[in-house]
Amino acid sequence: MLEAEMLYYKKDYAGANKALNVIAKRAYGKDNYYTSSAPADVLDNIVNEYFLEFPAEGMIWWALIRTGKIWSMVPNSEIPDQTFESLKAKNPNILLWPIAQGSLNRNSNLHQIQGWS
């Protein structure tokens, strides 16, 4: 998955598909499961495979942040979209978790993430 994502960011969309197809071959038993090399399709396929491969392993959250799909895939119906944009503008670290106080106490090189202090 990370190889496909890396190739996507290098704009090697055919290579990203090739990496995804290794996973798809194992999972679905079909060669060339993913064929479209359109950037939006490749990114959607990567995100979809993250949901299928890692549904309960805590990796999807970080994949959604890295791919920029977090705002469209995890909507909060109580907050309008324009509010999300203003929240991101005010606090770019809104999606990052705070550093635990115990970790901050043990390591003086750590500083709390801006927005959580």
C-alpha atoms as a PDB file:
ATOM      1  CA  MET A   1       0.000   0.000   0.000  1.00  0.00           C
ATOM      2  CA  LEU A   2       2.736   2.449   0.901  1.00  0.00           C
ATOM      3  CA  GLU A   3       4.548   1.624  -2.337  1.00  0.00           C
ATOM      4  CA  ALA A   4       1.427   2.451  -4.340  1.00  0.00           C
ATOM      5  CA  GLU A   5       1.015   5.670  -2.398  1.00  0.00           C
ATOM      6  CA  MET A   6       4.658   6.635  -2.892  1.00  0.00           C
ATOM      7  CA  LEU A   7       4.453   5.972  -6.634  1.00  0.00           C
ATOM      8  CA  TYR A   8       1.263   8.017  -6.809  1.00  0.00           C
ATOM      9  CA  TYR A   9       3.042  11.014  -5.259  1.00  0.00           C
ATOM     10  CA  LYS A  10       5.914  10.533  -7.723  1.00  0.00           C
ATOM     11  CA  LYS A  11       3.260  10.802 -10.460  1.00  0.00           C
ATOM     12  CA  ASP A  12       3.976   7.216 -11.573  1.00  0.00           C
ATOM     13  CA  TYR A  13       0.313   6.283 -11.826  1.00  0.00           C
ATOM     14  CA  ALA A  14       0.936   3.122 -13.855  1.00  0.00           C
ATOM     15  CA  GLY A  15       3.453   2.008 -11.221  1.00  0.00           C
ATOM     16  CA  ALA A  16       0.960   2.744  -8.457  1.00  0.00           C
ATOM     17  CA  ASN A  17      -1.605   0.604 -10.260  1.00  0.00           C
ATOM     18  CA  LYS A  18       0.960  -2.171 -10.603  1.00  0.00           C
ATOM     19  CA  ALA A  19       1.588  -2.094  -6.846  1.00  0.00           C
ATOM     20  CA  LEU A  20      -2.159  -2.070  -6.148  1.00  0.00           C
ATOM     21  CA  ASN A  21      -2.684  -4.945  -8.548  1.00  0.00           C
ATOM     22  CA  VAL A  22      -0.293  -7.149  -6.547  1.00  0.00           C
ATOM     23  CA  ILE A  23      -2.632  -6.718  -3.581  1.00  0.00           C
ATOM     24  CA  ALA A  24      -5.736  -7.102  -5.726  1.00  0.00           C
ATOM     25  CA  LYS A  25      -4.424 -10.305  -7.316  1.00  0.00           C
ATOM     26  CA  ARG A  26      -3.955 -11.836  -3.873  1.00  0.00           C
ATOM     27  CA  ALA A  27      -7.308 -10.582  -2.600  1.00  0.00           C
ATOM     28  CA  TYR A  28      -9.562 -10.991  -5.618  1.00  0.00           C
ATOM     29  CA  GLY A  29      -7.678 -13.488  -7.788  1.00  0.00           C
ATOM     30  CA  LYS A  30      -7.853 -11.224 -10.814  1.00  0.00           C
ATOM     31  CA  ASP A  31      -4.973  -9.819 -12.873  1.00  0.00           C
ATOM     32  CA  ASN A  32      -5.048  -6.100 -13.661  1.00  0.00           C
ATOM     33  CA  TYR A  33      -7.929  -5.387 -11.332  1.00  0.00           C
ATOM     34  CA  TYR A  34      -7.088  -1.671 -11.451  1.00  0.00           C
ATOM     35  CA  THR A  35      -6.639  -0.299 -14.960  1.00  0.00           C
ATOM     36  CA  SER A  36      -7.358   3.431 -14.931  1.00  0.00           C
ATOM     37  CA  SER A  37      -4.224   5.552 -14.630  1.00  0.00           C
ATOM     38  CA  ALA A  38      -6.136   8.794 -14.130  1.00  0.00           C
ATOM     39  CA  PRO A  39      -4.643  10.429 -11.016  1.00  0.00           C
ATOM     40  CA  ALA A  40      -8.010  10.833  -9.263  1.00  0.00           C
ATOM     41  CA  ASP A  41      -8.912   7.191  -9.945  1.00  0.00           C
ATOM     42  CA  VAL A  42      -5.561   5.925  -8.679  1.00  0.00           C
ATOM     43  CA  LEU A  43      -5.878   7.944  -5.467  1.00  0.00           C
ATOM     44  CA  ASP A  44      -9.451   6.719  -4.941  1.00  0.00           C
ATOM     45  CA  ASN A  45      -8.271   3.130  -5.503  1.00  0.00           C
ATOM     46  CA  ILE A  46      -5.464   3.535  -2.966  1.00  0.00           C
ATOM     47  CA  VAL A  47      -7.879   4.877  -0.350  1.00  0.00           C
ATOM     48  CA  ASN A  48     -10.395   2.128  -1.129  1.00  0.00           C
ATOM     49  CA  GLU A  49      -7.726  -0.561  -0.699  1.00  0.00           C
ATOM     50  CA  TYR A  50      -6.707   0.946   2.653  1.00  0.00           C
ATOM     51  CA  PHE A  51     -10.321   0.495   3.798  1.00  0.00           C
ATOM     52  CA  LEU A  52     -10.375  -3.091   2.544  1.00  0.00           C
ATOM     53  CA  GLU A  53      -6.909  -4.154   3.742  1.00  0.00           C
ATOM     54  CA  PHE A  54      -6.739  -2.392   7.122  1.00  0.00           C
ATOM     55  CA  PRO A  55     -10.295  -1.943   8.425  1.00  0.00           C
ATOM     56  CA  ALA A  56      -9.440  -2.261  12.122  1.00  0.00           C
ATOM     57  CA  GLU A  57      -5.719  -1.615  12.366  1.00  0.00           C
ATOM     58  CA  GLY A  58      -5.624   2.144  12.938  1.00  0.00           C
ATOM     59  CA  MET A  59      -3.926   2.847   9.609  1.00  0.00           C
ATOM     60  CA  ILE A  60      -6.883   4.309   7.746  1.00  0.00           C
ATOM     61  CA  TRP A  61      -6.910   7.563   9.721  1.00  0.00           C
ATOM     62  CA  TRP A  62      -3.314   8.346   8.765  1.00  0.00           C
ATOM     63  CA  ALA A  63      -3.820   7.269   5.147  1.00  0.00           C
ATOM     64  CA  LEU A  64      -6.820   9.602   4.881  1.00  0.00           C
ATOM     65  CA  ILE A  65      -4.771  12.475   6.279  1.00  0.00           C
ATOM     66  CA  ARG A  66      -1.845  11.784   3.921  1.00  0.00           C
ATOM     67  CA  THR A  67      -4.082  11.520   0.868  1.00  0.00           C
ATOM     68  CA  GLY A  68      -6.174  14.563   1.759  1.00  0.00           C
ATOM     69  CA  LYS A  69      -9.357  12.471   1.744  1.00  0.00           C
ATOM     70  CA  ILE A  70     -10.014  12.907   5.466  1.00  0.00           C
ATOM     71  CA  TRP A  71     -12.513  15.752   5.063  1.00  0.00           C
ATOM     72  CA  SER A  72     -14.607  13.981   2.447  1.00  0.00           C
ATOM     73  CA  MET A  73     -14.424  10.460   3.937  1.00  0.00           C
ATOM     74  CA  VAL A  74     -15.030  11.337   7.602  1.00  0.00           C
ATOM     75  CA  PRO A  75     -17.619  14.090   7.560  1.00  0.00           C
ATOM     76  CA  ASN A  76     -19.068  15.504  10.738  1.00  0.00           C
ATOM     77  CA  SER A  77     -22.687  16.255   9.990  1.00  0.00           C
ATOM     78  CA  GLU A  78     -22.841  18.824  12.791  1.00  0.00           C
ATOM     79  CA  ILE A  79     -20.121  21.043  11.314  1.00  0.00           C
ATOM     80  CA  PRO A  80     -20.631  22.581   7.846  1.00  0.00           C
ATOM     81  CA  ASP A  81     -17.853  22.209   5.253  1.00  0.00           C
ATOM     82  CA  GLN A  82     -16.922  25.903   5.350  1.00  0.00           C
ATOM     83  CA  THR A  83     -16.327  25.549   9.102  1.00  0.00           C
ATOM     84  CA  PHE A  84     -13.891  22.705   8.465  1.00  0.00           C
ATOM     85  CA  GLU A  85     -11.959  24.987   6.129  1.00  0.00           C
ATOM     86  CA  SER A  86     -11.803  27.739   8.750  1.00  0.00           C
ATOM     87  CA  LEU A  87     -10.751  25.201  11.415  1.00  0.00           C
ATOM     88  CA  LYS A  88      -7.924  23.957   9.183  1.00  0.00           C
ATOM     89  CA  ALA A  89      -6.831  27.534   8.486  1.00  0.00           C
ATOM     90  CA  LYS A  90      -6.778  28.470  12.193  1.00  0.00           C
ATOM     91  CA  ASN A  91      -5.142  25.224  13.342  1.00  0.00           C
ATOM     92  CA  PRO A  92      -3.284  23.235  10.680  1.00  0.00           C
ATOM     93  CA  ASN A  93      -2.583  20.538  13.296  1.00  0.00           C
ATOM     94  CA  ILE A  94      -6.269  19.883  14.011  1.00  0.00           C
ATOM     95  CA  LEU A  95      -5.970  16.297  12.766  1.00  0.00           C
ATOM     96  CA  LEU A  96      -2.902  15.453  14.855  1.00  0.00           C
ATOM     97  CA  TRP A  97      -3.265  13.948  18.284  1.00  0.00           C
ATOM     98  CA  PRO A  98      -1.686  15.666  21.289  1.00  0.00           C
ATOM     99  CA  ILE A  99       1.517  14.345  22.820  1.00  0.00           C
ATOM    100  CA  ALA A 100       0.800  12.654  26.148  1.00  0.00           C
ATOM    101  CA  GLN A 101       1.884  14.589  29.231  1.00  0.00           C
ATOM    102  CA  GLY A 102       3.948  11.609  30.415  1.00  0.00           C
ATOM    103  CA  SER A 103       5.959  11.671  27.193  1.00  0.00           C
ATOM    104  CA  LEU A 104       6.489  15.410  27.523  1.00  0.00           C
ATOM    105  CA  ASN A 105       7.694  14.924  31.121  1.00  0.00           C
ATOM    106  CA  ARG A 106      10.182  12.193  30.148  1.00  0.00           C
ATOM    107  CA  ASN A 107      11.646  13.918  27.084  1.00  0.00           C
ATOM    108  CA  SER A 108      12.512  17.617  27.271  1.00  0.00           C
ATOM    109  CA  ASN A 109      13.089  17.700  23.489  1.00  0.00           C
ATOM    110  CA  LEU A 110       9.376  17.186  22.876  1.00  0.00           C
ATOM    111  CA  HIS A 111       6.987  20.115  22.709  1.00  0.00           C
ATOM    112  CA  GLN A 112       3.222  19.954  22.577  1.00  0.00           C
ATOM    113  CA  ILE A 113       1.732  20.207  19.128  1.00  0.00           C
ATOM    114  CA  GLN A 114       0.487  23.716  18.372  1.00  0.00           C
ATOM    115  CA  GLY A 115      -3.217  23.912  19.027  1.00  0.00           C
ATOM    116  CA  TRP A 116      -3.109  21.372  21.871  1.00  0.00           C
ATOM    117  CA  SER A 117      -1.144  23.381  24.426  1.00  0.00           C
END
